[in-house]
């Protein structure tokens, strides 16, 4: 195979090496990626996110979750936003997303607002990253400098979405493995699981736990059973807060709940169940500052998962379809 390249000769010259290094550095994400091409991107996005959360406090958790479910499937590339068509199968109907992933209309509004300010510049993948940060901050959580420069995928994978996103039935070893696959440590996993301090879960995802598991506070089990019938198919989509105390405030109550066997999902309580992550749960439960710092670091690290940069992918005009 022939390559049209100044470095196609067998011996790599110094100039070629420098060229490769420059190309590599240009492909890195940076916090000031849009400083000249779209300086108002942050204020534009935040105002849209604030409006969406004012309209429905739960939306912050939904937008944060979109970023997780995007990054865990072939990297942070905006693939979760693509609609199915007669000739294209996206990720929205994969098991982890069907009937639960939401906020796509909010992303549409954010994209439209940004397009008015700087058309054709900001990727949908980057908008998800900014939106996740803003959602956390608006709900009282930590801030961090979002690295940008991702481009949007032209493809999606329902199979990868089915296989790569940790299900609520996961045990601790499964969870560690899911996160390690994408380059995240056990500490990252426990910190990022703290996103369940906001949001809600469907009955179908915690039914087995509230009726069958013993490491669950009995009063919480009774409360949840009142809105989640034992019979599968009955009340499957009924919702319950992941954090009973402050479901719309980003704090460390999630970990305090785990210490009292009040994790709603099986996968939540696995973090504090006599295993290797118990000490971290205790730390985050007693030190909100440590949790906030580790969560922010974990979000930055997750945002680095296999981004499309440089000439790869595209900048979608509409987040729901390729150009």
Protein backbone atom coordinates (compact mmCIF):
# COMPACT_ATOMS: atom_id res chain seq x y z
CA UNK A 1 0.00 0.00 0.00
CA UNK A 2 1.39 3.41 -0.97
CA UNK A 3 1.04 6.44 1.27
CA UNK A 4 1.10 10.00 -0.02
CA UNK A 5 3.11 11.46 2.82
CA UNK A 6 6.37 13.31 3.32
CA UNK A 7 7.23 10.54 5.82
CA UNK A 8 6.66 7.59 3.48
CA UNK A 9 10.35 6.79 3.18
CA UNK A 10 11.75 4.00 5.32
CA UNK A 11 14.01 6.29 7.34
CA UNK A 12 12.16 8.70 9.60
CA UNK A 13 13.93 12.02 9.34
CA UNK A 14 13.99 14.63 12.07
CA UNK A 15 11.58 16.84 10.16
CA UNK A 16 9.10 13.98 9.84
CA UNK A 17 9.40 13.23 13.53
CA UNK A 18 8.64 16.85 14.35
CA UNK A 19 5.68 16.76 11.98
CA UNK A 20 4.28 13.71 13.74
CA UNK A 21 4.77 15.29 17.15
CA UNK A 22 3.00 18.48 16.09
CA UNK A 23 0.14 16.44 14.67
CA UNK A 24 -0.12 14.52 17.91
CA UNK A 25 -0.19 17.62 20.10
CA UNK A 26 -2.82 19.24 17.88
CA UNK A 27 -5.07 16.26 18.45
CA UNK A 28 -5.14 16.76 22.23
CA UNK A 29 -8.14 18.22 24.00
CA UNK A 30 -7.68 21.60 25.66
CA UNK A 31 -9.69 23.83 27.97
CA UNK A 32 -9.33 26.85 25.67
CA UNK A 33 -10.16 25.08 22.40
CA UNK A 34 -12.97 27.52 21.49
CA UNK A 35 -11.44 30.66 23.03
CA UNK A 36 -11.13 32.29 19.60
CA UNK A 37 -13.65 30.41 17.45
CA UNK A 38 -16.56 30.47 19.92
CA UNK A 39 -15.72 32.53 23.02
CA UNK A 40 -19.34 32.63 24.20
CA UNK A 41 -19.90 28.88 24.17
CA UNK A 42 -19.81 28.48 27.97
CA UNK A 43 -22.26 31.27 28.78
CA UNK A 44 -24.58 30.14 26.00
CA UNK A 45 -24.64 26.53 27.19
CA UNK A 46 -25.01 27.38 30.87
CA UNK A 47 -28.00 29.61 30.28
CA UNK A 48 -29.77 26.79 28.42
CA UNK A 49 -28.92 24.21 31.08
CA UNK A 50 -30.08 26.56 33.84
CA UNK A 51 -33.38 27.08 32.04
CA UNK A 52 -33.89 23.33 31.57
CA UNK A 53 -33.18 22.58 35.25
CA UNK A 54 -35.41 25.44 36.38
CA UNK A 55 -38.15 23.82 34.33
CA UNK A 56 -37.45 20.32 35.74
CA UNK A 57 -34.88 19.76 38.49
CA UNK A 58 -34.46 16.11 37.45
CA UNK A 59 -33.07 17.19 34.09
CA UNK A 60 -29.62 17.86 35.55
CA UNK A 61 -29.20 14.18 36.36
CA UNK A 62 -30.50 13.18 32.94
CA UNK A 63 -27.99 15.41 31.14
CA UNK A 64 -25.12 14.14 33.29
CA UNK A 65 -26.15 10.57 32.51
CA UNK A 66 -26.09 11.23 28.76
CA UNK A 67 -22.40 12.10 29.00
CA UNK A 68 -21.65 8.88 30.92
CA UNK A 69 -23.57 6.74 28.45
CA UNK A 70 -21.88 8.46 25.53
CA UNK A 71 -18.31 8.11 26.82
CA UNK A 72 -18.63 4.45 27.81
CA UNK A 73 -19.60 3.47 24.25
CA UNK A 74 -16.59 3.84 21.94
CA UNK A 75 -15.54 7.09 23.57
CA UNK A 76 -16.98 10.58 24.08
CA UNK A 77 -18.13 11.13 20.52
CA UNK A 78 -21.78 12.20 20.66
CA UNK A 79 -22.94 8.85 19.27
CA UNK A 80 -25.74 8.51 21.86
CA UNK A 81 -27.48 11.51 20.32
CA UNK A 82 -27.99 9.94 16.88
CA UNK A 83 -31.58 8.93 16.03
CA UNK A 84 -32.43 5.60 14.45
CA UNK A 85 -33.47 5.74 10.80
CA UNK A 86 -34.58 3.16 8.27
CA UNK A 87 -30.94 2.59 7.36
CA UNK A 88 -29.18 3.39 10.65
CA UNK A 89 -29.36 1.87 14.11
CA UNK A 90 -28.21 4.15 16.90
CA UNK A 91 -27.79 3.66 20.65
CA UNK A 92 -31.01 5.18 21.95
CA UNK A 93 -32.84 1.86 21.92
CA UNK A 94 -30.05 -0.15 23.55
CA UNK A 95 -31.15 -1.71 26.84
CA UNK A 96 -29.38 0.87 29.11
CA UNK A 97 -30.99 3.77 27.21
CA UNK A 98 -34.41 2.61 26.07
CA UNK A 99 -37.20 4.28 28.07
CA UNK A 100 -34.63 5.92 30.35
CA UNK A 101 -32.12 8.10 28.47
CA UNK A 102 -33.66 11.54 28.21
CA UNK A 103 -32.82 15.20 27.71
CA UNK A 104 -32.32 14.95 23.97
CA UNK A 105 -34.66 17.89 23.38
CA UNK A 106 -32.61 19.97 25.81
CA UNK A 107 -29.45 19.10 23.88
CA UNK A 108 -31.26 20.18 20.70
CA UNK A 109 -32.02 23.55 22.31
CA UNK A 110 -28.42 23.94 23.46
CA UNK A 111 -27.11 23.10 20.00
CA UNK A 112 -29.49 25.58 18.36
CA UNK A 113 -28.44 28.36 20.73
CA UNK A 114 -24.73 27.67 20.14
CA UNK A 115 -25.23 27.48 16.37
CA UNK A 116 -26.71 30.99 16.44
CA UNK A 117 -23.59 32.30 18.18
CA UNK A 118 -20.98 30.37 16.19
CA UNK A 119 -22.37 28.12 13.44
CA UNK A 120 -20.57 24.92 12.55
CA UNK A 121 -17.90 25.25 15.22
CA UNK A 122 -18.83 23.35 18.40
CA UNK A 123 -19.35 19.58 18.34
CA UNK A 124 -22.28 17.82 19.97
CA UNK A 125 -19.77 15.67 21.86
CA UNK A 126 -18.25 18.78 23.43
CA UNK A 127 -21.69 20.15 24.26
CA UNK A 128 -22.41 16.98 26.26
CA UNK A 129 -19.18 17.49 28.21
CA UNK A 130 -19.97 21.12 29.03
CA UNK A 131 -23.60 20.31 29.82
CA UNK A 132 -22.57 17.59 32.28
CA UNK A 133 -20.31 20.02 34.16
CA UNK A 134 -22.93 22.77 34.22
CA UNK A 135 -25.63 20.38 35.46
CA UNK A 136 -23.45 19.35 38.41
CA UNK A 137 -22.55 22.95 39.29
CA UNK A 138 -26.13 24.22 39.07
CA UNK A 139 -27.26 21.46 41.44
CA UNK A 140 -24.61 22.41 43.99
CA UNK A 141 -21.69 20.18 43.00
CA UNK A 142 -18.07 20.91 42.10
CA UNK A 143 -16.83 22.65 38.98
CA UNK A 144 -13.92 21.72 36.75
CA UNK A 145 -12.27 23.01 33.60
CA UNK A 146 -13.80 21.06 30.72
CA UNK A 147 -11.34 19.88 28.09
CA UNK A 148 -12.68 20.40 24.56
CA UNK A 149 -11.87 19.69 20.94
CA UNK A 150 -13.86 16.49 20.40
CA UNK A 151 -15.53 15.86 17.08
CA UNK A 152 -18.73 13.92 16.45
CA UNK A 153 -18.97 10.32 15.34
CA UNK A 154 -20.66 9.41 12.09
CA UNK A 155 -21.47 5.98 13.50
CA UNK A 156 -23.01 4.44 16.61
CA UNK A 157 -23.12 0.95 18.13
CA UNK A 158 -26.19 -0.45 19.80
CA UNK A 159 -24.23 -3.63 20.59
CA UNK A 160 -21.49 -1.66 22.35
CA UNK A 161 -24.12 0.28 24.30
CA UNK A 162 -25.66 -3.01 25.42
CA UNK A 163 -22.30 -4.45 26.45
CA UNK A 164 -20.20 -1.54 27.75
CA UNK A 165 -22.50 0.37 30.11
CA UNK A 166 -22.58 -1.17 33.62
CA UNK A 167 -26.08 -2.52 34.38
CA UNK A 168 -27.70 -1.98 37.81
CA UNK A 169 -27.33 -5.71 38.49
CA UNK A 170 -23.51 -5.48 38.46
CA UNK A 171 -21.47 -6.78 41.38
CA UNK A 172 -18.31 -5.01 42.56
CA UNK A 173 -15.94 -7.04 40.35
CA UNK A 174 -18.13 -6.32 37.33
CA UNK A 175 -18.14 -2.60 38.09
CA UNK A 176 -14.37 -2.45 38.49
CA UNK A 177 -13.98 -4.32 35.21
CA UNK A 178 -16.38 -2.06 33.27
CA UNK A 179 -14.48 1.03 34.40
CA UNK A 180 -11.02 -0.48 33.88
CA UNK A 181 -11.92 -1.26 30.28
CA UNK A 182 -12.18 2.46 29.57
CA UNK A 183 -9.10 3.40 31.59
CA UNK A 184 -10.79 4.39 34.84
CA UNK A 185 -9.61 3.14 38.24
CA UNK A 186 -11.59 1.74 41.15
CA UNK A 187 -11.31 5.11 42.84
CA UNK A 188 -12.68 6.81 39.72
CA UNK A 189 -15.52 4.30 39.72
CA UNK A 190 -16.53 4.96 43.31
CA UNK A 191 -16.25 8.74 42.87
CA UNK A 192 -18.20 8.81 39.60
CA UNK A 193 -20.89 6.56 41.08
CA UNK A 194 -21.60 9.54 43.31
CA UNK A 195 -23.52 10.98 40.36
CA UNK A 196 -26.34 8.86 41.81
CA UNK A 197 -26.70 11.51 44.48
CA UNK A 198 -29.10 13.07 41.95
CA UNK A 199 -31.73 11.58 39.68
CA UNK A 200 -34.22 8.75 39.75
CA UNK A 201 -34.39 5.09 38.81
CA UNK A 202 -37.16 2.99 37.31
CA UNK A 203 -38.85 0.25 39.29
CA UNK A 204 -37.63 -2.38 36.83
CA UNK A 205 -34.04 -1.55 37.84
CA UNK A 206 -34.49 -1.99 41.60
CA UNK A 207 -37.40 -4.44 41.90
CA UNK A 208 -35.22 -7.49 42.51
CA UNK A 209 -33.28 -5.67 45.21
CA UNK A 210 -36.23 -4.42 47.26
CA UNK A 211 -37.91 -7.83 47.32
CA UNK A 212 -34.98 -10.24 47.45
CA UNK A 213 -31.90 -8.66 49.02
CA UNK A 214 -31.10 -8.53 52.72
CA UNK A 215 -28.45 -5.79 52.73
CA UNK A 216 -31.18 -3.17 52.36
CA UNK A 217 -32.68 -1.00 55.10
CA UNK A 218 -36.11 -2.52 55.82
CA UNK A 219 -37.96 0.79 56.01
CA UNK A 220 -36.56 1.86 52.63
CA UNK A 221 -37.57 -1.50 51.16
CA UNK A 222 -41.15 -1.03 52.38
CA UNK A 223 -41.29 2.51 51.07
CA UNK A 224 -40.07 1.48 47.64
CA UNK A 225 -42.34 -1.59 47.48
CA UNK A 226 -45.36 0.69 47.80
CA UNK A 227 -44.62 2.13 44.37
CA UNK A 228 -42.93 -0.86 42.71
CA UNK A 229 -45.11 -4.00 42.60
CA UNK A 230 -43.42 -7.37 42.80
CA UNK A 231 -44.87 -8.54 39.50
CA UNK A 232 -42.71 -7.79 36.47
CA UNK A 233 -44.51 -5.65 33.94
CA UNK A 234 -46.52 -3.86 36.60
CA UNK A 235 -45.27 -0.36 37.35
CA UNK A 236 -41.95 -0.98 35.56
CA UNK A 237 -41.51 2.72 34.78
CA UNK A 238 -42.52 4.04 38.21
CA UNK A 239 -39.72 6.22 39.51
CA UNK A 240 -37.91 6.50 42.85
CA UNK A 241 -35.10 8.86 43.86
CA UNK A 242 -31.62 7.36 43.98
CA UNK A 243 -30.92 9.56 47.00
CA UNK A 244 -33.96 9.72 49.29
CA UNK A 245 -32.84 12.84 51.17
CA UNK A 246 -31.74 15.31 48.49
CA UNK A 247 -32.50 13.89 45.01
CA UNK A 248 -31.98 17.24 43.27
CA UNK A 249 -28.91 18.41 45.21
CA UNK A 250 -25.41 17.29 44.29
CA UNK A 251 -23.89 16.32 47.66
CA UNK A 252 -22.34 13.32 49.42
CA UNK A 253 -25.57 11.89 50.84
CA UNK A 254 -25.30 9.02 48.35
CA UNK A 255 -22.36 7.64 50.34
CA UNK A 256 -24.02 8.28 53.69
CA UNK A 257 -26.95 6.22 52.40
CA UNK A 258 -24.66 3.35 51.41
CA UNK A 259 -23.24 3.30 54.94
CA UNK A 260 -26.79 2.66 56.17
CA UNK A 261 -27.63 0.02 53.51
CA UNK A 262 -29.86 2.52 51.73
CA UNK A 263 -28.44 2.17 48.24
CA UNK A 264 -31.41 1.85 45.87
CA UNK A 265 -29.70 -0.14 43.13
CA UNK A 266 -27.90 -3.44 43.65
CA UNK A 267 -24.84 -1.93 41.95
CA UNK A 268 -24.90 1.04 44.35
CA UNK A 269 -24.82 -1.03 47.52
CA UNK A 270 -22.03 -3.19 46.09
CA UNK A 271 -19.68 -0.28 46.74
CA UNK A 272 -20.22 -0.79 50.48
CA UNK A 273 -20.79 -4.46 51.09
CA UNK A 274 -17.67 -5.79 52.77
CA UNK A 275 -15.47 -5.34 49.72
CA UNK A 276 -12.39 -3.42 48.63
CA UNK A 277 -14.20 -0.09 48.14
CA UNK A 278 -15.76 0.15 51.63
CA UNK A 279 -13.04 2.49 52.89
CA UNK A 280 -13.53 4.91 49.97
CA UNK A 281 -17.28 5.04 50.63
CA UNK A 282 -16.55 5.89 54.27
CA UNK A 283 -14.11 8.59 53.15
CA UNK A 284 -16.56 10.21 50.74
CA UNK A 285 -19.36 9.92 53.29
CA UNK A 286 -17.36 11.86 55.86
CA UNK A 287 -15.48 14.25 53.56
CA UNK A 288 -17.57 16.09 50.95
CA UNK A 289 -14.46 17.97 49.81
CA UNK A 290 -12.60 14.76 49.02
CA UNK A 291 -15.60 13.46 47.10
CA UNK A 292 -15.96 16.71 45.14
CA UNK A 293 -12.28 16.76 44.23
CA UNK A 294 -12.21 13.11 43.15
CA UNK A 295 -15.47 13.44 41.24
CA UNK A 296 -14.18 16.41 39.25
CA UNK A 297 -10.93 14.57 38.50
CA UNK A 298 -12.89 11.48 37.42
CA UNK A 299 -15.11 13.52 35.09
CA UNK A 300 -12.06 15.05 33.38
CA UNK A 301 -10.52 11.60 33.02
CA UNK A 302 -13.76 10.12 31.65
CA UNK A 303 -13.98 12.95 29.13
CA UNK A 304 -10.61 11.81 27.74
CA UNK A 305 -11.94 8.40 26.65
CA UNK A 306 -11.13 7.92 22.95
CA UNK A 307 -12.20 11.34 21.62
CA UNK A 308 -12.32 11.94 17.89
CA UNK A 309 -10.04 14.87 17.12
CA UNK A 310 -8.28 16.55 14.23
CA UNK A 311 -9.83 15.47 10.94
CA UNK A 312 -11.69 12.47 12.39
CA UNK A 313 -15.46 12.59 12.64
CA UNK A 314 -17.31 15.82 11.94
CA UNK A 315 -19.05 18.78 13.55
CA UNK A 316 -22.71 17.86 13.29
CA UNK A 317 -25.15 20.61 12.38
CA UNK A 318 -27.94 18.63 14.02
CA UNK A 319 -26.96 16.38 16.93
CA UNK A 320 -29.55 13.78 15.94
CA UNK A 321 -28.11 12.98 12.51
CA UNK A 322 -24.86 13.00 10.59
CA UNK A 323 -24.29 15.83 8.14
